[in-house]
Protein backbone atom coordinates (compact mmCIF):
# COMPACT_ATOMS: atom_id res chain seq x y z
CA UNK A 1 -8.73 -3.62 15.52
CA UNK A 2 -9.67 -7.23 15.87
CA UNK A 3 -13.16 -6.18 14.69
CA UNK A 4 -12.24 -4.58 11.91
CA UNK A 5 -12.47 -0.74 13.13
CA UNK A 6 -9.65 1.53 12.13
CA UNK A 7 -7.06 2.86 14.33
CA UNK A 8 -7.94 6.64 15.51
CA UNK A 9 -5.78 9.10 13.39
CA UNK A 10 -4.16 10.50 16.52
CA UNK A 11 -2.72 7.24 17.57
CA UNK A 12 -1.47 6.52 13.94
CA UNK A 13 0.15 9.85 13.71
CA UNK A 14 1.65 9.63 17.22
CA UNK A 15 2.95 6.06 16.31
CA UNK A 16 4.24 7.29 12.79
CA UNK A 17 6.11 10.27 14.32
CA UNK A 18 8.00 8.02 17.02
CA UNK A 19 9.00 5.54 13.77
CA UNK A 20 10.03 8.33 11.67
CA UNK A 21 12.16 9.88 14.55
CA UNK A 22 14.21 6.66 14.70
CA UNK A 23 17.62 6.62 13.30
CA UNK A 24 16.74 4.52 10.02
CA UNK A 25 13.44 6.62 9.63
CA UNK A 26 15.79 9.98 9.38
CA UNK A 27 17.16 8.62 5.68
CA UNK A 28 13.53 8.68 4.13
CA UNK A 29 10.53 6.39 4.37
CA UNK A 30 7.74 4.98 2.46
CA UNK A 31 4.03 4.71 3.63
CA UNK A 32 1.91 2.35 1.94
CA UNK A 33 -1.71 3.37 1.85
CA UNK A 34 -1.43 6.09 4.31
CA UNK A 35 -2.92 9.06 4.43
CA UNK A 36 -6.45 7.91 3.41
CA UNK A 37 -7.83 11.41 3.75
CA UNK A 38 -7.03 15.05 3.53
CA UNK A 39 -7.46 15.34 7.28
CA UNK A 40 -4.46 12.49 7.83
CA UNK A 41 -2.27 14.20 5.09
CA UNK A 42 -2.54 17.41 7.24
CA UNK A 43 -1.82 15.70 10.32
CA UNK A 44 0.98 14.08 8.76
CA UNK A 45 2.57 17.40 7.27
CA UNK A 46 2.96 18.41 11.18
CA UNK A 47 5.41 15.82 11.61
CA UNK A 48 7.23 15.20 8.07
CA UNK A 49 8.07 16.61 4.82
CA UNK A 50 6.73 14.42 1.80
CA UNK A 51 8.69 14.70 -1.23
CA UNK A 52 6.39 12.65 -3.70
CA UNK A 53 3.36 10.42 -4.07
CA UNK A 54 3.62 7.14 -5.89
CA UNK A 55 -0.02 6.37 -7.32
CA UNK A 56 -0.71 3.01 -8.71
CA UNK A 57 -3.09 3.00 -11.47
CA UNK A 58 -4.66 -0.48 -11.68
CA UNK A 59 -8.38 -1.44 -13.43
CA UNK A 60 -10.53 -2.14 -11.00
CA UNK A 61 -10.92 -5.57 -12.26
CA UNK A 62 -7.53 -6.60 -11.74
CA UNK A 63 -7.93 -5.42 -7.67
CA UNK A 64 -10.86 -7.44 -7.34
CA UNK A 65 -9.20 -10.57 -8.99
CA UNK A 66 -6.00 -9.89 -7.16
CA UNK A 67 -7.77 -9.51 -3.53
CA UNK A 68 -10.63 -11.94 -3.82
CA UNK A 69 -8.14 -14.84 -4.28
CA UNK A 70 -6.17 -13.75 -1.31
CA UNK A 71 -5.54 -16.08 1.46
CA UNK A 72 -4.15 -15.93 4.84
CA UNK A 73 -2.87 -18.12 7.16
CA UNK A 74 -4.86 -18.07 10.78
CA UNK A 75 -2.04 -19.16 12.69
CA UNK A 76 1.23 -17.02 11.45
CA UNK A 77 -0.45 -14.53 8.85
CA UNK A 78 1.30 -15.69 5.88
CA UNK A 79 -0.46 -14.26 2.67
CA UNK A 80 -1.02 -16.50 -0.31
CA UNK A 81 -2.84 -15.97 -3.64
CA UNK A 82 -4.69 -18.70 -5.26
CA UNK A 83 -3.95 -17.79 -8.68
CA UNK A 84 -0.28 -16.38 -8.01
CA UNK A 85 1.30 -17.55 -4.96
CA UNK A 86 -0.32 -20.68 -4.59
CA UNK A 87 0.49 -22.74 -1.09
CA UNK A 88 1.95 -26.48 -1.61
CA UNK A 89 -1.29 -28.07 -0.19
CA UNK A 90 -4.63 -26.44 -1.01
CA UNK A 91 -5.76 -24.45 2.21
CA UNK A 92 -2.67 -25.17 4.14
CA UNK A 93 0.19 -22.64 5.14
CA UNK A 94 3.43 -23.84 3.58
CA UNK A 95 5.13 -22.11 7.03
CA UNK A 96 3.63 -23.40 9.75
CA UNK A 97 0.70 -25.71 8.47
CA UNK A 98 -2.45 -23.43 9.64
CA UNK A 99 -5.56 -23.27 7.91
CA UNK A 100 -5.55 -20.43 5.21
CA UNK A 101 -9.03 -18.34 5.10
CA UNK A 102 -10.35 -15.61 3.16
CA UNK A 103 -10.82 -11.94 4.82
CA UNK A 104 -14.49 -11.12 5.04
CA UNK A 105 -13.28 -7.70 3.34
CA UNK A 106 -11.60 -9.79 0.31
CA UNK A 107 -14.75 -11.21 -0.79
CA UNK A 108 -15.46 -9.37 -4.39
CA UNK A 109 -18.77 -7.60 -3.24
CA UNK A 110 -16.97 -6.17 -0.36
CA UNK A 111 -13.76 -5.40 -2.40
CA UNK A 112 -16.01 -3.03 -4.60
CA UNK A 113 -17.51 -1.64 -1.82
CA UNK A 114 -14.06 -0.57 -0.69
CA UNK A 115 -12.90 0.67 -4.10
CA UNK A 116 -15.81 3.08 -3.92
CA UNK A 117 -14.87 4.45 -0.55
CA UNK A 118 -11.10 4.67 -1.83
CA UNK A 119 -12.28 6.60 -4.66
CA UNK A 120 -14.56 9.35 -2.93
CA UNK A 121 -11.83 9.28 -0.11
CA UNK A 122 -8.67 9.70 -2.48
CA UNK A 123 -9.61 11.80 -5.08
CA UNK A 124 -9.40 14.83 -2.53
CA UNK A 125 -6.15 13.54 -1.31
CA UNK A 126 -4.68 13.40 -5.12
CA UNK A 127 -5.88 16.97 -5.18
CA UNK A 128 -4.38 18.04 -1.69
CA UNK A 129 -0.83 16.42 -2.96
CA UNK A 130 -1.04 18.05 -6.67
CA UNK A 131 -0.92 21.65 -4.90
CA UNK A 132 2.22 20.57 -2.90
CA UNK A 133 4.58 18.15 -4.29
CA UNK A 134 5.18 15.62 -7.39
CA UNK A 135 2.76 12.76 -7.86
CA UNK A 136 4.38 10.04 -9.54
CA UNK A 137 2.04 7.75 -11.55
CA UNK A 138 2.89 3.99 -12.14
CA UNK A 139 0.56 2.17 -14.15
CA UNK A 140 -0.30 -1.53 -14.35
CA UNK A 141 -2.75 -3.00 -16.99
CA UNK A 142 -1.91 -6.55 -16.77
CA UNK A 143 -3.16 -9.12 -14.09
CA UNK A 144 0.04 -11.26 -13.98
CA UNK A 145 2.36 -8.29 -13.67
CA UNK A 146 4.68 -9.72 -10.60
CA UNK A 147 4.99 -7.14 -7.86
CA UNK A 148 8.76 -7.00 -8.58
CA UNK A 149 8.01 -5.37 -12.10
CA UNK A 150 6.04 -2.66 -10.42
CA UNK A 151 8.70 -1.89 -7.85
CA UNK A 152 11.06 -1.78 -10.53
CA UNK A 153 8.63 0.76 -12.44
CA UNK A 154 8.29 3.00 -9.12
CA UNK A 155 12.20 2.99 -8.97
CA UNK A 156 12.72 4.22 -12.11
CA UNK A 157 9.88 6.67 -11.94
CA UNK A 158 11.42 8.14 -8.83
CA UNK A 159 15.22 8.07 -10.48
CA UNK A 160 13.49 10.46 -13.45
CA UNK A 161 12.38 12.85 -10.36
CA UNK A 162 15.64 12.70 -8.97
CA UNK A 163 14.37 11.10 -5.73
CA UNK A 164 16.65 8.29 -5.58
CA UNK A 165 20.43 8.27 -4.91
CA UNK A 166 21.48 5.06 -6.13
CA UNK A 167 19.49 1.77 -6.67
CA UNK A 168 16.99 1.08 -3.87
CA UNK A 169 18.04 3.58 -1.80
CA UNK A 170 15.80 6.79 -1.18
CA UNK A 171 18.35 8.77 0.40
CA UNK A 172 16.48 11.53 2.39
CA UNK A 173 13.16 11.40 0.15
CA UNK A 174 10.30 10.49 1.92
CA UNK A 175 7.59 9.00 -0.55
CA UNK A 176 3.67 7.82 -0.18
CA UNK A 177 2.21 5.14 -2.17
CA UNK A 178 -1.05 3.50 -2.14
CA UNK A 179 -1.26 -0.26 -3.37
CA UNK A 180 -4.17 -2.23 -3.89
CA UNK A 181 -2.08 -5.33 -5.33
CA UNK A 182 -2.65 -7.72 -2.37
CA UNK A 183 -0.54 -10.74 -2.74
């Protein structure tokens, strides 16, 4: 993992299964960015019932802009964005004073490649879920849209689909979401 390699699917599924079975997992859960492949979705189906998929529709240029401006503290992992969530002192973490850096996979050319891989993997996944459950699409075409606004849109769409009993409570519903917002 420290070298950027992905955690094997069987380990992730094992961790998810244990977490979902904890008392607060029984009321429902949201997975962000998982599963990424049909094989992962099939493994997930064996341990949990998924009620809906939330698909964020965001233009590629916004994703590249947001991710390529993300910076992370080397000490505490705090996340910043040079455009939207700036540190008080450039290059310095507000929380611990650590140095901020850009991850290699947040550089524009790498983000573009990540998006190509995402498309190749995600389209079959969308088709897989279309046959089984609701896919709720939430669109964002504005680069300056705060994440809270998108979350509110998601909540409203979940309410329309009768997936939420009351504000910010998923009840027994289990949803997947894919987000490429970055900070």
